[in-house]
Amino acid sequence: MSETGITFEQAIERTQDLIQKRENGIIEANQLQEEISGLVATENGARGFFVAYLTNNSSFPDQPSEAVLVALKTSPELVSELLVKNVAMSTAMAITHRRQDNESMAQSSDRVQQRSLNLIQHLKQQLAQEKAQRMRNSALTGEGEADIAFFQRWGYDQEQREAIAQQLEKIL
């Protein structure tokens, strides 16, 4: 199936398969790079890739390989937007899980947050910094139509917005 027609669910499955193949040494770095580049070329593919990659239980996503980084750089707009949103969402969800006394889920959210921040820092893309700055400002000031709509859609409260701003500061 071409990536242009890939569903979110198919992208998750494909990413899980790629991670397993890489860990088992049955896919070369250049093939991994090509596959990930194809996935992140579309919104469904990129969303599915990040869901599977950032939440994967293996250590592979903890230290992104050159193949992963090169692939992610092929779609800077989409990748930057999704990574910044992943920092925000995982930060807010860690707070929600801790409020519900679910430390296991909170730690999973913390891991997604750290992996997202790590990718942003490794990618060193100005676009991600600009998006992080914009979202951080919105979290602190309550201004900025797109980001405020994002916060409202997910129901983030003041504590969550402040925590999001604090994490996004690390990118700037």
Foldseek 3Di string as FASTA:
>chain_A
DFLVPDALVNLLVVLLVLVVCVVVVNDDLQRSLVVLLRQQVDLSSVNSNLVNLQQPPDCDLVDDDPSNLVSLVNNVVNLLVVLLVLLLVLLQVLVVCVVVVNNVSSVSSVSSNNSSLVSLVVNVDPNSLVVLVQLLCCLVPVDDVPNVVVCVVVVRDNVSSNSSNVSSVSND
